[in-house]
Amino acid sequence: MTVKIVVNKGAEAKDATEKAAEKPSQTSSIKFKLDIRSTMDDRLIISDHPEVDIVISTKDNKITLFPKDKTTDMVYDTQNDFFKFMKKKGIVEPSSVRGGNVFGALEGVIVPNKSDEMLALVVMNIAKFIEKEQPFFDYLKKYEEMEEKMFLDPDDADSTELGEVPQKATKGGIRPGYGGVSSYFLSYML
């Protein structure tokens, strides 16, 4: 689904008919790409964010965020940041943000507006939020790849070949032979 947003630039004091008579209005378009799907009941599902799915219900005039895989503190932080961002932009009523009827979901009511471009404005601000969050998730992905590489293909300084470490009868601080809970048993010997 393509959403085209047009922002008019020019003097606000002049009437629209005067502007049209003087010269053509200067317009600019903002383009962004989102993975948006429409449901059978006219809801829009935006699934570009790595942690949450964003659902816009035009019928109920609500935005709901559902966790993608599992509900963690990171998902809640993302939902909280999203609604703070939308409140700051004036899209969501501050007192309307609450838990949804699905576990882990948060929802907020879109500020009532008679503008025809309200849906486009909401989608544009969602795209800005996702763009703002993207560097953080790119960093997490690179960090996980680096950590995986460190464990699966370590450097020579961080690894030992089989046979390099000499064998001993007992190693470490936990001595065997005191049953299945030997480490706990040693603390009671004192």
C-alpha atoms as a PDB file:
ATOM      1  CA  MET A   1       0.000   0.000   0.000  1.00  0.00           C
ATOM      2  CA  THR A   2       1.448   3.354  -0.980  1.00  0.00           C
ATOM      3  CA  VAL A   3       0.758   6.393   1.154  1.00  0.00           C
ATOM      4  CA  LYS A   4       1.517   9.782  -0.382  1.00  0.00           C
ATOM      5  CA  ILE A   5       1.713  12.772   1.906  1.00  0.00           C
ATOM      6  CA  VAL A   6       1.689  16.306   0.522  1.00  0.00           C
ATOM      7  CA  VAL A   7       2.748  19.226   2.689  1.00  0.00           C
ATOM      8  CA  ASN A   8       1.856  22.717   1.485  1.00  0.00           C
ATOM      9  CA  LYS A   9       4.422  25.441   2.046  1.00  0.00           C
ATOM     10  CA  GLY A  10       3.624  29.139   1.823  1.00  0.00           C
ATOM     11  CA  ALA A  11       2.078  32.071   3.655  1.00  0.00           C
ATOM     12  CA  GLU A  12      -0.563  30.921   6.105  1.00  0.00           C
ATOM     13  CA  ALA A  13      -2.310  34.294   6.277  1.00  0.00           C
ATOM     14  CA  LYS A  14      -3.449  34.168   2.644  1.00  0.00           C
ATOM     15  CA  ASP A  15      -6.651  32.507   1.655  1.00  0.00           C
ATOM     16  CA  ALA A  16      -6.432  29.314  -0.388  1.00  0.00           C
ATOM     17  CA  THR A  17      -8.278  30.915  -3.291  1.00  0.00           C
ATOM     18  CA  GLU A  18      -5.860  33.857  -3.352  1.00  0.00           C
ATOM     19  CA  LYS A  19      -2.907  31.477  -3.449  1.00  0.00           C
ATOM     20  CA  ALA A  20      -4.395  29.578  -6.338  1.00  0.00           C
ATOM     21  CA  ALA A  21      -5.016  32.806  -8.241  1.00  0.00           C
ATOM     22  CA  GLU A  22      -1.514  34.232  -7.649  1.00  0.00           C
ATOM     23  CA  LYS A  23       0.675  31.216  -8.395  1.00  0.00           C
ATOM     24  CA  PRO A  24       0.622  27.481  -8.044  1.00  0.00           C
ATOM     25  CA  SER A  25       1.237  26.368  -4.471  1.00  0.00           C
ATOM     26  CA  GLN A  26       4.608  24.932  -3.613  1.00  0.00           C
ATOM     27  CA  THR A  27       4.243  21.355  -2.511  1.00  0.00           C
ATOM     28  CA  SER A  28       6.726  18.735  -1.482  1.00  0.00           C
ATOM     29  CA  SER A  29       6.142  15.069  -0.947  1.00  0.00           C
ATOM     30  CA  ILE A  30       7.645  12.846   1.697  1.00  0.00           C
ATOM     31  CA  LYS A  31       8.343   9.293   0.621  1.00  0.00           C
ATOM     32  CA  PHE A  32       8.995   6.320   2.848  1.00  0.00           C
ATOM     33  CA  LYS A  33       8.645   2.581   2.519  1.00  0.00           C
ATOM     34  CA  LEU A  34       6.781   0.440   5.045  1.00  0.00           C
ATOM     35  CA  ASP A  35       5.495  -3.115   5.063  1.00  0.00           C
ATOM     36  CA  ILE A  36       1.777  -2.392   5.533  1.00  0.00           C
ATOM     37  CA  ARG A  37      -1.011  -4.931   5.178  1.00  0.00           C
ATOM     38  CA  SER A  38      -4.716  -4.260   5.329  1.00  0.00           C
ATOM     39  CA  THR A  39      -7.034  -6.642   7.138  1.00  0.00           C
ATOM     40  CA  MET A  40     -10.581  -7.538   6.200  1.00  0.00           C
ATOM     41  CA  ASP A  41     -11.968  -5.151   8.832  1.00  0.00           C
ATOM     42  CA  ASP A  42      -9.972  -2.168   7.464  1.00  0.00           C
ATOM     43  CA  ARG A  43      -7.138  -2.247   9.991  1.00  0.00           C
ATOM     44  CA  LEU A  44      -3.590  -1.554   8.897  1.00  0.00           C
ATOM     45  CA  ILE A  45      -0.769  -3.770  10.185  1.00  0.00           C
ATOM     46  CA  ILE A  46       2.751  -2.351  10.012  1.00  0.00           C
ATOM     47  CA  SER A  47       5.333  -5.061  10.612  1.00  0.00           C
ATOM     48  CA  ASP A  48       8.610  -3.236   9.902  1.00  0.00           C
ATOM     49  CA  HIS A  49       9.691  -2.927  13.527  1.00  0.00           C
ATOM     50  CA  PRO A  50      11.791  -5.886  14.763  1.00  0.00           C
ATOM     51  CA  GLU A  51      10.099  -6.115  18.198  1.00  0.00           C
ATOM     52  CA  VAL A  52       6.432  -5.161  17.686  1.00  0.00           C
ATOM     53  CA  ASP A  53       3.638  -5.174  15.124  1.00  0.00           C
ATOM     54  CA  ILE A  54       1.781  -1.858  14.909  1.00  0.00           C
ATOM     55  CA  VAL A  55      -1.950  -2.020  14.167  1.00  0.00           C
ATOM     56  CA  ILE A  56      -3.928   1.090  13.199  1.00  0.00           C
ATOM     57  CA  SER A  57      -7.673   0.730  13.592  1.00  0.00           C
ATOM     58  CA  THR A  58      -9.423   3.494  11.665  1.00  0.00           C
ATOM     59  CA  LYS A  59     -12.839   2.280  12.832  1.00  0.00           C
ATOM     60  CA  ASP A  60     -11.942   2.471  16.558  1.00  0.00           C
ATOM     61  CA  ASN A  61      -9.479   5.348  16.046  1.00  0.00           C
ATOM     62  CA  LYS A  62      -6.760   3.427  17.951  1.00  0.00           C
ATOM     63  CA  ILE A  63      -3.141   2.365  17.584  1.00  0.00           C
ATOM     64  CA  THR A  64      -2.219  -0.986  19.168  1.00  0.00           C
ATOM     65  CA  LEU A  65       1.264  -2.498  19.518  1.00  0.00           C
ATOM     66  CA  PHE A  66       1.561  -6.292  19.753  1.00  0.00           C
ATOM     67  CA  PRO A  67       4.805  -8.102  20.625  1.00  0.00           C
ATOM     68  CA  LYS A  68       6.180 -10.147  17.719  1.00  0.00           C
ATOM     69  CA  ASP A  69       7.712 -13.151  19.446  1.00  0.00           C
ATOM     70  CA  LYS A  70       7.672 -12.860  23.201  1.00  0.00           C
ATOM     71  CA  THR A  71       6.943 -10.210  25.757  1.00  0.00           C
ATOM     72  CA  THR A  72      10.150  -8.965  27.361  1.00  0.00           C
ATOM     73  CA  ASP A  73      11.255  -5.778  29.043  1.00  0.00           C
ATOM     74  CA  MET A  74      12.738  -4.720  25.703  1.00  0.00           C
ATOM     75  CA  VAL A  75       9.321  -5.023  24.034  1.00  0.00           C
ATOM     76  CA  TYR A  76       7.698  -2.953  26.766  1.00  0.00           C
ATOM     77  CA  ASP A  77      10.448  -0.309  26.451  1.00  0.00           C
ATOM     78  CA  THR A  78       9.789  -0.144  22.713  1.00  0.00           C
ATOM     79  CA  GLN A  79       6.043   0.229  23.275  1.00  0.00           C
ATOM     80  CA  ASN A  80       6.621   2.892  25.934  1.00  0.00           C
ATOM     81  CA  ASP A  81       9.026   4.820  23.671  1.00  0.00           C
ATOM     82  CA  PHE A  82       6.541   4.572  20.790  1.00  0.00           C
ATOM     83  CA  PHE A  83       3.672   6.079  22.754  1.00  0.00           C
ATOM     84  CA  LYS A  84       5.932   8.782  24.238  1.00  0.00           C
ATOM     85  CA  PHE A  85       6.967   9.663  20.674  1.00  0.00           C
ATOM     86  CA  MET A  86       3.363   9.709  19.449  1.00  0.00           C
ATOM     87  CA  LYS A  87       2.222  11.795  22.450  1.00  0.00           C
ATOM     88  CA  LYS A  88       5.013  14.283  21.783  1.00  0.00           C
ATOM     89  CA  LYS A  89       3.918  14.581  18.149  1.00  0.00           C
ATOM     90  CA  GLY A  90       0.276  15.089  19.196  1.00  0.00           C
ATOM     91  CA  ILE A  91      -1.009  11.931  17.534  1.00  0.00           C
ATOM     92  CA  VAL A  92      -2.139   9.994  20.624  1.00  0.00           C
ATOM     93  CA  GLU A  93      -4.117  11.262  23.603  1.00  0.00           C
ATOM     94  CA  PRO A  94      -1.782  11.064  26.631  1.00  0.00           C
ATOM     95  CA  SER A  95      -4.426   9.737  29.026  1.00  0.00           C
ATOM     96  CA  SER A  96      -5.614   6.987  26.671  1.00  0.00           C
ATOM     97  CA  VAL A  97      -2.536   4.735  26.644  1.00  0.00           C
ATOM     98  CA  ARG A  98      -3.293   1.462  28.434  1.00  0.00           C
ATOM     99  CA  GLY A  99      -2.855  -2.289  28.234  1.00  0.00           C
ATOM    100  CA  GLY A 100      -4.786  -4.007  25.488  1.00  0.00           C
ATOM    101  CA  ASN A 101      -7.035  -7.040  25.700  1.00  0.00           C
ATOM    102  CA  VAL A 102      -4.212  -9.291  24.435  1.00  0.00           C
ATOM    103  CA  PHE A 103      -1.298 -10.159  26.739  1.00  0.00           C
ATOM    104  CA  GLY A 104       1.622  -7.789  26.162  1.00  0.00           C
ATOM    105  CA  ALA A 105      -0.299  -5.345  23.971  1.00  0.00           C
ATOM    106  CA  LEU A 106      -0.487  -1.585  24.554  1.00  0.00           C
ATOM    107  CA  GLU A 107      -2.998   0.684  22.859  1.00  0.00           C
ATOM    108  CA  GLY A 108      -3.724   4.374  22.614  1.00  0.00           C
ATOM    109  CA  VAL A 109      -6.503   6.486  21.102  1.00  0.00           C
ATOM    110  CA  ILE A 110      -5.650   8.719  18.163  1.00  0.00           C
ATOM    111  CA  VAL A 111      -6.501  12.382  18.790  1.00  0.00           C
ATOM    112  CA  PRO A 112      -9.803  13.140  17.018  1.00  0.00           C
ATOM    113  CA  ASN A 113      -9.240  15.237  13.923  1.00  0.00           C
ATOM    114  CA  LYS A 114     -11.442  16.157  10.980  1.00  0.00           C
ATOM    115  CA  SER A 115      -8.533  16.271   8.554  1.00  0.00           C
ATOM    116  CA  ASP A 116      -8.600  13.898   5.607  1.00  0.00           C
ATOM    117  CA  GLU A 117      -4.847  13.465   5.938  1.00  0.00           C
ATOM    118  CA  MET A 118      -4.886  12.163   9.521  1.00  0.00           C
ATOM    119  CA  LEU A 119      -4.187   8.556   8.553  1.00  0.00           C
ATOM    120  CA  ALA A 120      -1.279   9.652   6.368  1.00  0.00           C
ATOM    121  CA  LEU A 121       0.075  11.749   9.235  1.00  0.00           C
ATOM    122  CA  VAL A 122      -0.160   8.810  11.643  1.00  0.00           C
ATOM    123  CA  VAL A 123       1.624   6.468   9.210  1.00  0.00           C
ATOM    124  CA  MET A 124       4.324   9.074   8.531  1.00  0.00           C
ATOM    125  CA  ASN A 125       5.032   9.465  12.253  1.00  0.00           C
ATOM    126  CA  ILE A 126       5.179   5.683  12.668  1.00  0.00           C
ATOM    127  CA  ALA A 127       7.723   5.568   9.844  1.00  0.00           C
ATOM    128  CA  LYS A 128       9.768   8.268  11.613  1.00  0.00           C
ATOM    129  CA  PHE A 129       9.699   6.268  14.852  1.00  0.00           C
ATOM    130  CA  ILE A 130      10.862   3.090  13.106  1.00  0.00           C
ATOM    131  CA  GLU A 131      13.614   5.054  11.364  1.00  0.00           C
ATOM    132  CA  LYS A 132      14.700   6.497  14.728  1.00  0.00           C
ATOM    133  CA  GLU A 133      14.821   3.029  16.345  1.00  0.00           C
ATOM    134  CA  GLN A 134      16.605   1.269  13.464  1.00  0.00           C
ATOM    135  CA  PRO A 135      20.238   2.113  14.454  1.00  0.00           C
ATOM    136  CA  PHE A 136      19.723   0.527  17.895  1.00  0.00           C
ATOM    137  CA  PHE A 137      18.457  -2.744  16.410  1.00  0.00           C
ATOM    138  CA  ASP A 138      21.211  -2.726  13.774  1.00  0.00           C
ATOM    139  CA  TYR A 139      23.742  -2.432  16.618  1.00  0.00           C
ATOM    140  CA  LEU A 140      22.122  -5.349  18.495  1.00  0.00           C
ATOM    141  CA  LYS A 141      22.218  -7.511  15.375  1.00  0.00           C
ATOM    142  CA  LYS A 142      25.905  -6.732  14.739  1.00  0.00           C
ATOM    143  CA  TYR A 143      26.736  -7.401  18.403  1.00  0.00           C
ATOM    144  CA  GLU A 144      25.000 -10.799  18.308  1.00  0.00           C
ATOM    145  CA  GLU A 145      26.868 -11.693  15.104  1.00  0.00           C
ATOM    146  CA  MET A 146      30.170 -10.655  16.702  1.00  0.00           C
ATOM    147  CA  GLU A 147      29.417 -12.686  19.831  1.00  0.00           C
ATOM    148  CA  GLU A 148      28.459 -15.729  17.766  1.00  0.00           C
ATOM    149  CA  LYS A 149      31.688 -15.445  15.759  1.00  0.00           C
ATOM    150  CA  MET A 150      33.697 -15.149  18.980  1.00  0.00           C
ATOM    151  CA  PHE A 151      32.214 -18.398  20.351  1.00  0.00           C
ATOM    152  CA  LEU A 152      32.175 -20.428  17.131  1.00  0.00           C
ATOM    153  CA  ASP A 153      35.477 -19.274  15.611  1.00  0.00           C
ATOM    154  CA  PRO A 154      37.718 -17.958  18.426  1.00  0.00           C
ATOM    155  CA  ASP A 155      41.193 -16.474  17.923  1.00  0.00           C
ATOM    156  CA  ASP A 156      44.303 -18.496  18.824  1.00  0.00           C
ATOM    157  CA  ALA A 157      44.746 -16.470  22.016  1.00  0.00           C
ATOM    158  CA  ASP A 158      41.219 -17.341  23.179  1.00  0.00           C
ATOM    159  CA  SER A 159      41.262 -21.070  22.405  1.00  0.00           C
ATOM    160  CA  THR A 160      43.194 -24.222  23.237  1.00  0.00           C
ATOM    161  CA  GLU A 161      43.639 -27.334  21.189  1.00  0.00           C
ATOM    162  CA  LEU A 162      42.830 -30.751  22.569  1.00  0.00           C
ATOM    163  CA  GLY A 163      45.759 -31.925  24.725  1.00  0.00           C
ATOM    164  CA  GLU A 164      47.245 -28.477  25.454  1.00  0.00           C
ATOM    165  CA  VAL A 165      45.830 -28.408  28.986  1.00  0.00           C
ATOM    166  CA  PRO A 166      47.466 -31.130  31.147  1.00  0.00           C
ATOM    167  CA  GLN A 167      45.200 -33.595  32.907  1.00  0.00           C
ATOM    168  CA  LYS A 168      45.004 -33.725  36.723  1.00  0.00           C
ATOM    169  CA  ALA A 169      43.080 -35.920  39.090  1.00  0.00           C
ATOM    170  CA  THR A 170      41.122 -33.047  40.646  1.00  0.00           C
ATOM    171  CA  LYS A 171      40.549 -29.616  39.195  1.00  0.00           C
ATOM    172  CA  GLY A 172      38.660 -26.566  40.367  1.00  0.00           C
ATOM    173  CA  GLY A 173      37.178 -25.651  43.734  1.00  0.00           C
ATOM    174  CA  ILE A 174      34.359 -28.205  43.874  1.00  0.00           C
ATOM    175  CA  ARG A 175      35.618 -31.597  44.976  1.00  0.00           C
ATOM    176  CA  PRO A 176      33.780 -34.657  43.694  1.00  0.00           C
ATOM    177  CA  GLY A 177      32.578 -37.427  45.948  1.00  0.00           C
ATOM    178  CA  TYR A 178      30.112 -35.686  48.243  1.00  0.00           C
ATOM    179  CA  GLY A 179      26.978 -36.702  46.406  1.00  0.00           C
ATOM    180  CA  GLY A 180      24.872 -34.913  43.812  1.00  0.00           C
ATOM    181  CA  VAL A 181      24.855 -31.643  45.724  1.00  0.00           C
ATOM    182  CA  SER A 182      28.527 -31.537  46.608  1.00  0.00           C
ATOM    183  CA  SER A 183      28.933 -27.780  46.245  1.00  0.00           C
ATOM    184  CA  TYR A 184      26.065 -27.167  48.674  1.00  0.00           C
ATOM    185  CA  PHE A 185      27.328 -29.818  51.078  1.00  0.00           C
ATOM    186  CA  LEU A 186      30.733 -28.122  51.400  1.00  0.00           C
ATOM    187  CA  SER A 187      29.152 -24.944  52.760  1.00  0.00           C
ATOM    188  CA  TYR A 188      27.706 -26.922  55.699  1.00  0.00           C
ATOM    189  CA  MET A 189      31.036 -28.545  56.617  1.00  0.00           C
ATOM    190  CA  LEU A 190      32.290 -25.383  58.303  1.00  0.00           C
END
